[in-house]
Amino acid sequence: MAVPKRKTSRWRRDNRRAQNFFSKVKLSSLVSCPNCGELTIPHRVCPYCGYYKGREVIKVS
């Protein structure tokens, strides 16, 4: 039975898992931002205007 020689680091594990994130996001699961109207992932800060739930969370230049 194959057993790993070393523990997989959190960085390597998370980096591997992050590769599939955008392939899982379907067009039907996108919502329009109430502030700027761009399509974004639900329950996330809008990357175009930086708003979430009606308040500015990050500054977008």
PDB file of N, CA and C in Angstrom:
ATOM      1  N   MET A   1       0.840  -1.185   0.000  1.00  0.00           N
ATOM      2  CA  MET A   1       0.000   0.000   0.000  1.00  0.00           C
ATOM      3  C   MET A   1       0.885   1.248   0.000  1.00  0.00           C
ATOM      4  N   ALA A   2       0.576   2.198  -0.865  1.00  0.00           N
ATOM      5  CA  ALA A   2       1.379   3.412  -0.969  1.00  0.00           C
ATOM      6  C   ALA A   2       1.060   4.369   0.172  1.00  0.00           C
ATOM      7  N   VAL A   3       2.114   4.821   0.822  1.00  0.00           N
ATOM      8  CA  VAL A   3       1.965   5.755   1.942  1.00  0.00           C
ATOM      9  C   VAL A   3       2.858   6.960   1.648  1.00  0.00           C
ATOM     10  N   PRO A   4       2.366   8.201   1.832  1.00  0.00           N
ATOM     11  CA  PRO A   4       3.207   9.365   1.571  1.00  0.00           C
ATOM     12  C   PRO A   4       4.408   9.412   2.513  1.00  0.00           C
ATOM     13  N   LYS A   5       5.544   9.812   1.952  1.00  0.00           N
ATOM     14  CA  LYS A   5       6.759   9.877   2.766  1.00  0.00           C
ATOM     15  C   LYS A   5       6.747  11.078   3.695  1.00  0.00           C
ATOM     16  N   ARG A   6       6.131  12.179   3.228  1.00  0.00           N
ATOM     17  CA  ARG A   6       6.069  13.400   4.035  1.00  0.00           C
ATOM     18  C   ARG A   6       4.648  13.949   4.048  1.00  0.00           C
ATOM     19  N   LYS A   7       4.376  14.723   5.081  1.00  0.00           N
ATOM     20  CA  LYS A   7       3.059  15.371   5.190  1.00  0.00           C
ATOM     21  C   LYS A   7       2.947  16.460   4.126  1.00  0.00           C
ATOM     22  N   THR A   8       1.796  16.546   3.481  1.00  0.00           N
ATOM     23  CA  THR A   8       1.552  17.600   2.506  1.00  0.00           C
ATOM     24  C   THR A   8       1.292  18.904   3.249  1.00  0.00           C
ATOM     25  N   SER A   9       2.033  19.942   2.883  1.00  0.00           N
ATOM     26  CA  SER A   9       1.892  21.224   3.571  1.00  0.00           C
ATOM     27  C   SER A   9       0.540  21.853   3.257  1.00  0.00           C
ATOM     28  N   ARG A  10       0.103  22.754   4.111  1.00  0.00           N
ATOM     29  CA  ARG A  10      -1.178  23.442   3.896  1.00  0.00           C
ATOM     30  C   ARG A  10      -1.143  24.238   2.611  1.00  0.00           C
ATOM     31  N   TRP A  11      -0.001  24.876   2.305  1.00  0.00           N
ATOM     32  CA  TRP A  11       0.117  25.664   1.090  1.00  0.00           C
ATOM     33  C   TRP A  11      -0.073  24.783  -0.138  1.00  0.00           C
ATOM     34  N   ARG A  12       0.611  23.645  -0.179  1.00  0.00           N
ATOM     35  CA  ARG A  12       0.521  22.760  -1.336  1.00  0.00           C
ATOM     36  C   ARG A  12      -0.885  22.179  -1.473  1.00  0.00           C
ATOM     37  N   ARG A  13      -1.481  21.796  -0.359  1.00  0.00           N
ATOM     38  CA  ARG A  13      -2.847  21.247  -0.373  1.00  0.00           C
ATOM     39  C   ARG A  13      -3.845  22.296  -0.864  1.00  0.00           C
ATOM     40  N   ASP A  14      -3.777  23.504  -0.302  1.00  0.00           N
ATOM     41  CA  ASP A  14      -4.727  24.558  -0.669  1.00  0.00           C
ATOM     42  C   ASP A  14      -4.501  25.049  -2.098  1.00  0.00           C
ATOM     43  N   ASN A  15      -3.240  25.069  -2.512  1.00  0.00           N
ATOM     44  CA  ASN A  15      -2.934  25.472  -3.875  1.00  0.00           C
ATOM     45  C   ASN A  15      -3.531  24.479  -4.872  1.00  0.00           C
ATOM     46  N   ARG A  16      -3.478  23.225  -4.548  1.00  0.00           N
ATOM     47  CA  ARG A  16      -4.055  22.195  -5.410  1.00  0.00           C
ATOM     48  C   ARG A  16      -5.569  22.336  -5.462  1.00  0.00           C
ATOM     49  N   ARG A  17      -6.194  22.571  -4.337  1.00  0.00           N
ATOM     50  CA  ARG A  17      -7.650  22.695  -4.284  1.00  0.00           C
ATOM     51  C   ARG A  17      -8.148  23.959  -4.974  1.00  0.00           C
ATOM     52  N   ALA A  18      -7.339  24.998  -4.992  1.00  0.00           N
ATOM     53  CA  ALA A  18      -7.755  26.274  -5.574  1.00  0.00           C
ATOM     54  C   ALA A  18      -7.842  26.207  -7.093  1.00  0.00           C
ATOM     55  N   GLN A  19      -7.213  25.232  -7.722  1.00  0.00           N
ATOM     56  CA  GLN A  19      -7.197  25.144  -9.179  1.00  0.00           C
ATOM     57  C   GLN A  19      -8.590  24.919  -9.746  1.00  0.00           C
ATOM     58  N   ASN A  20      -9.464  24.251  -9.002  1.00  0.00           N
ATOM     59  CA  ASN A  20     -10.783  23.903  -9.505  1.00  0.00           C
ATOM     60  C   ASN A  20     -11.857  24.920  -9.161  1.00  0.00           C
ATOM     61  N   PHE A  21     -11.500  25.999  -8.480  1.00  0.00           N
ATOM     62  CA  PHE A  21     -12.508  26.929  -7.988  1.00  0.00           C
ATOM     63  C   PHE A  21     -13.323  27.547  -9.119  1.00  0.00           C
ATOM     64  N   PHE A  22     -12.657  28.076 -10.147  1.00  0.00           N
ATOM     65  CA  PHE A  22     -13.377  28.780 -11.200  1.00  0.00           C
ATOM     66  C   PHE A  22     -14.082  27.828 -12.149  1.00  0.00           C
ATOM     67  N   SER A  23     -13.636  26.578 -12.214  1.00  0.00           N
ATOM     68  CA  SER A  23     -14.350  25.623 -13.053  1.00  0.00           C
ATOM     69  C   SER A  23     -15.671  25.209 -12.406  1.00  0.00           C
ATOM     70  N   LYS A  24     -15.764  25.362 -11.091  1.00  0.00           N
ATOM     71  CA  LYS A  24     -17.005  25.019 -10.387  1.00  0.00           C
ATOM     72  C   LYS A  24     -18.039  26.143 -10.461  1.00  0.00           C
ATOM     73  N   VAL A  25     -17.583  27.375 -10.710  1.00  0.00           N
ATOM     74  CA  VAL A  25     -18.487  28.518 -10.785  1.00  0.00           C
ATOM     75  C   VAL A  25     -19.193  28.483 -12.134  1.00  0.00           C
ATOM     76  N   LYS A  26     -20.489  28.327 -12.114  1.00  0.00           N
ATOM     77  CA  LYS A  26     -21.275  28.278 -13.338  1.00  0.00           C
ATOM     78  C   LYS A  26     -21.901  29.658 -13.588  1.00  0.00           C
ATOM     79  N   LEU A  27     -22.247  29.932 -14.818  1.00  0.00           N
ATOM     80  CA  LEU A  27     -22.883  31.207 -15.130  1.00  0.00           C
ATOM     81  C   LEU A  27     -24.217  31.355 -14.424  1.00  0.00           C
ATOM     82  N   SER A  28     -24.905  30.232 -14.182  1.00  0.00           N
ATOM     83  CA  SER A  28     -26.200  30.312 -13.510  1.00  0.00           C
ATOM     84  C   SER A  28     -26.056  30.681 -12.040  1.00  0.00           C
ATOM     85  N   SER A  29     -24.861  30.473 -11.463  1.00  0.00           N
ATOM     86  CA  SER A  29     -24.668  30.771 -10.051  1.00  0.00           C
ATOM     87  C   SER A  29     -24.167  32.199  -9.815  1.00  0.00           C
ATOM     88  N   LEU A  30     -23.990  32.970 -10.882  1.00  0.00           N
ATOM     89  CA  LEU A  30     -23.550  34.356 -10.734  1.00  0.00           C
ATOM     90  C   LEU A  30     -24.754  35.274 -10.532  1.00  0.00           C
ATOM     91  N   VAL A  31     -24.556  36.328  -9.750  1.00  0.00           N
ATOM     92  CA  VAL A  31     -25.614  37.310  -9.505  1.00  0.00           C
ATOM     93  C   VAL A  31     -25.077  38.684  -9.878  1.00  0.00           C
ATOM     94  N   SER A  32     -25.971  39.610 -10.182  1.00  0.00           N
ATOM     95  CA  SER A  32     -25.510  40.958 -10.512  1.00  0.00           C
ATOM     96  C   SER A  32     -25.330  41.764  -9.233  1.00  0.00           C
ATOM     97  N   CYS A  33     -24.273  42.547  -9.203  1.00  0.00           N
ATOM     98  CA  CYS A  33     -23.967  43.394  -8.045  1.00  0.00           C
ATOM     99  C   CYS A  33     -25.012  44.495  -7.951  1.00  0.00           C
ATOM    100  N   PRO A  34     -25.621  44.708  -6.777  1.00  0.00           N
ATOM    101  CA  PRO A  34     -26.629  45.766  -6.661  1.00  0.00           C
ATOM    102  C   PRO A  34     -26.037  47.172  -6.796  1.00  0.00           C
ATOM    103  N   ASN A  35     -24.725  47.313  -6.578  1.00  0.00           N
ATOM    104  CA  ASN A  35     -24.096  48.628  -6.645  1.00  0.00           C
ATOM    105  C   ASN A  35     -23.688  49.004  -8.076  1.00  0.00           C
ATOM    106  N   CYS A  36     -22.989  48.091  -8.764  1.00  0.00           N
ATOM    107  CA  CYS A  36     -22.479  48.437 -10.096  1.00  0.00           C
ATOM    108  C   CYS A  36     -23.113  47.628 -11.222  1.00  0.00           C
ATOM    109  N   GLY A  37     -23.787  46.522 -10.908  1.00  0.00           N
ATOM    110  CA  GLY A  37     -24.481  45.744 -11.917  1.00  0.00           C
ATOM    111  C   GLY A  37     -23.653  44.660 -12.590  1.00  0.00           C
ATOM    112  N   GLU A  38     -22.371  44.521 -12.238  1.00  0.00           N
ATOM    113  CA  GLU A  38     -21.521  43.477 -12.830  1.00  0.00           C
ATOM    114  C   GLU A  38     -21.878  42.111 -12.243  1.00  0.00           C
ATOM    115  N   LEU A  39     -21.608  41.049 -12.989  1.00  0.00           N
ATOM    116  CA  LEU A  39     -21.850  39.700 -12.500  1.00  0.00           C
ATOM    117  C   LEU A  39     -20.750  39.303 -11.519  1.00  0.00           C
ATOM    118  N   THR A  40     -21.148  38.832 -10.337  1.00  0.00           N
ATOM    119  CA  THR A  40     -20.197  38.418  -9.314  1.00  0.00           C
ATOM    120  C   THR A  40     -20.656  37.117  -8.681  1.00  0.00           C
ATOM    121  N   ILE A  41     -19.774  36.515  -7.887  1.00  0.00           N
ATOM    122  CA  ILE A  41     -20.105  35.307  -7.139  1.00  0.00           C
ATOM    123  C   ILE A  41     -20.934  35.743  -5.927  1.00  0.00           C
ATOM    124  N   PRO A  42     -22.019  35.036  -5.593  1.00  0.00           N
ATOM    125  CA  PRO A  42     -22.828  35.451  -4.460  1.00  0.00           C
ATOM    126  C   PRO A  42     -22.072  35.354  -3.132  1.00  0.00           C
ATOM    127  N   HIS A  43     -22.398  36.218  -2.201  1.00  0.00           N
ATOM    128  CA  HIS A  43     -21.821  36.260  -0.854  1.00  0.00           C
ATOM    129  C   HIS A  43     -20.328  36.569  -0.870  1.00  0.00           C
ATOM    130  N   ARG A  44     -19.875  37.330  -1.869  1.00  0.00           N
ATOM    131  CA  ARG A  44     -18.484  37.743  -1.963  1.00  0.00           C
ATOM    132  C   ARG A  44     -18.434  39.238  -2.250  1.00  0.00           C
ATOM    133  N   VAL A  45     -17.310  39.867  -1.930  1.00  0.00           N
ATOM    134  CA  VAL A  45     -17.105  41.272  -2.256  1.00  0.00           C
ATOM    135  C   VAL A  45     -17.017  41.397  -3.769  1.00  0.00           C
ATOM    136  N   CYS A  46     -17.655  42.405  -4.316  1.00  0.00           N
ATOM    137  CA  CYS A  46     -17.618  42.636  -5.761  1.00  0.00           C
ATOM    138  C   CYS A  46     -16.199  43.066  -6.153  1.00  0.00           C
ATOM    139  N   PRO A  47     -15.527  42.338  -7.062  1.00  0.00           N
ATOM    140  CA  PRO A  47     -14.159  42.719  -7.439  1.00  0.00           C
ATOM    141  C   PRO A  47     -14.102  43.973  -8.300  1.00  0.00           C
ATOM    142  N   TYR A  48     -15.231  44.423  -8.833  1.00  0.00           N
ATOM    143  CA  TYR A  48     -15.251  45.585  -9.718  1.00  0.00           C
ATOM    144  C   TYR A  48     -15.429  46.888  -8.947  1.00  0.00           C
ATOM    145  N   CYS A  49     -16.291  46.883  -7.910  1.00  0.00           N
ATOM    146  CA  CYS A  49     -16.524  48.132  -7.168  1.00  0.00           C
ATOM    147  C   CYS A  49     -16.094  48.045  -5.701  1.00  0.00           C
ATOM    148  N   GLY A  50     -15.877  46.841  -5.169  1.00  0.00           N
ATOM    149  CA  GLY A  50     -15.413  46.688  -3.791  1.00  0.00           C
ATOM    150  C   GLY A  50     -16.508  46.756  -2.754  1.00  0.00           C
ATOM    151  N   TYR A  51     -17.771  46.684  -3.173  1.00  0.00           N
ATOM    152  CA  TYR A  51     -18.884  46.770  -2.233  1.00  0.00           C
ATOM    153  C   TYR A  51     -19.416  45.387  -1.876  1.00  0.00           C
ATOM    154  N   TYR A  52     -19.909  45.262  -0.639  1.00  0.00           N
ATOM    155  CA  TYR A  52     -20.580  44.052  -0.179  1.00  0.00           C
ATOM    156  C   TYR A  52     -21.678  44.466   0.787  1.00  0.00           C
ATOM    157  N   LYS A  53     -22.883  44.050   0.517  1.00  0.00           N
ATOM    158  CA  LYS A  53     -24.059  44.381   1.338  1.00  0.00           C
ATOM    159  C   LYS A  53     -24.214  45.887   1.524  1.00  0.00           C
ATOM    160  N   GLY A  54     -23.998  46.648   0.461  1.00  0.00           N
ATOM    161  CA  GLY A  54     -24.254  48.077   0.504  1.00  0.00           C
ATOM    162  C   GLY A  54     -23.177  48.938   1.110  1.00  0.00           C
ATOM    163  N   ARG A  55     -22.046  48.373   1.530  1.00  0.00           N
ATOM    164  CA  ARG A  55     -20.967  49.206   2.055  1.00  0.00           C
ATOM    165  C   ARG A  55     -19.654  48.854   1.384  1.00  0.00           C
ATOM    166  N   GLU A  56     -18.771  49.851   1.308  1.00  0.00           N
ATOM    167  CA  GLU A  56     -17.488  49.652   0.671  1.00  0.00           C
ATOM    168  C   GLU A  56     -16.570  48.868   1.601  1.00  0.00           C
ATOM    169  N   VAL A  57     -16.099  47.730   1.137  1.00  0.00           N
ATOM    170  CA  VAL A  57     -15.237  46.877   1.950  1.00  0.00           C
ATOM    171  C   VAL A  57     -13.784  47.044   1.556  1.00  0.00           C
ATOM    172  N   ILE A  58     -13.519  47.125   0.253  1.00  0.00           N
ATOM    173  CA  ILE A  58     -12.168  47.324  -0.242  1.00  0.00           C
ATOM    174  C   ILE A  58     -12.154  48.486  -1.227  1.00  0.00           C
ATOM    175  N   LYS A  59     -11.025  49.164  -1.311  1.00  0.00           N
ATOM    176  CA  LYS A  59     -10.867  50.260  -2.272  1.00  0.00           C
ATOM    177  C   LYS A  59     -10.415  49.665  -3.594  1.00  0.00           C
ATOM    178  N   VAL A  60     -11.162  49.942  -4.646  1.00  0.00           N
ATOM    179  CA  VAL A  60     -10.798  49.484  -5.984  1.00  0.00           C
ATOM    180  C   VAL A  60     -10.397  50.698  -6.787  1.00  0.00           C
ATOM    181  N   SER A  61      -9.185  50.660  -7.328  1.00  0.00           N
ATOM    182  CA  SER A  61      -8.711  51.825  -8.081  1.00  0.00           C
ATOM    183  C   SER A  61      -8.851  51.649  -9.566  1.00  0.00           C
TER     184      SER A  61
END
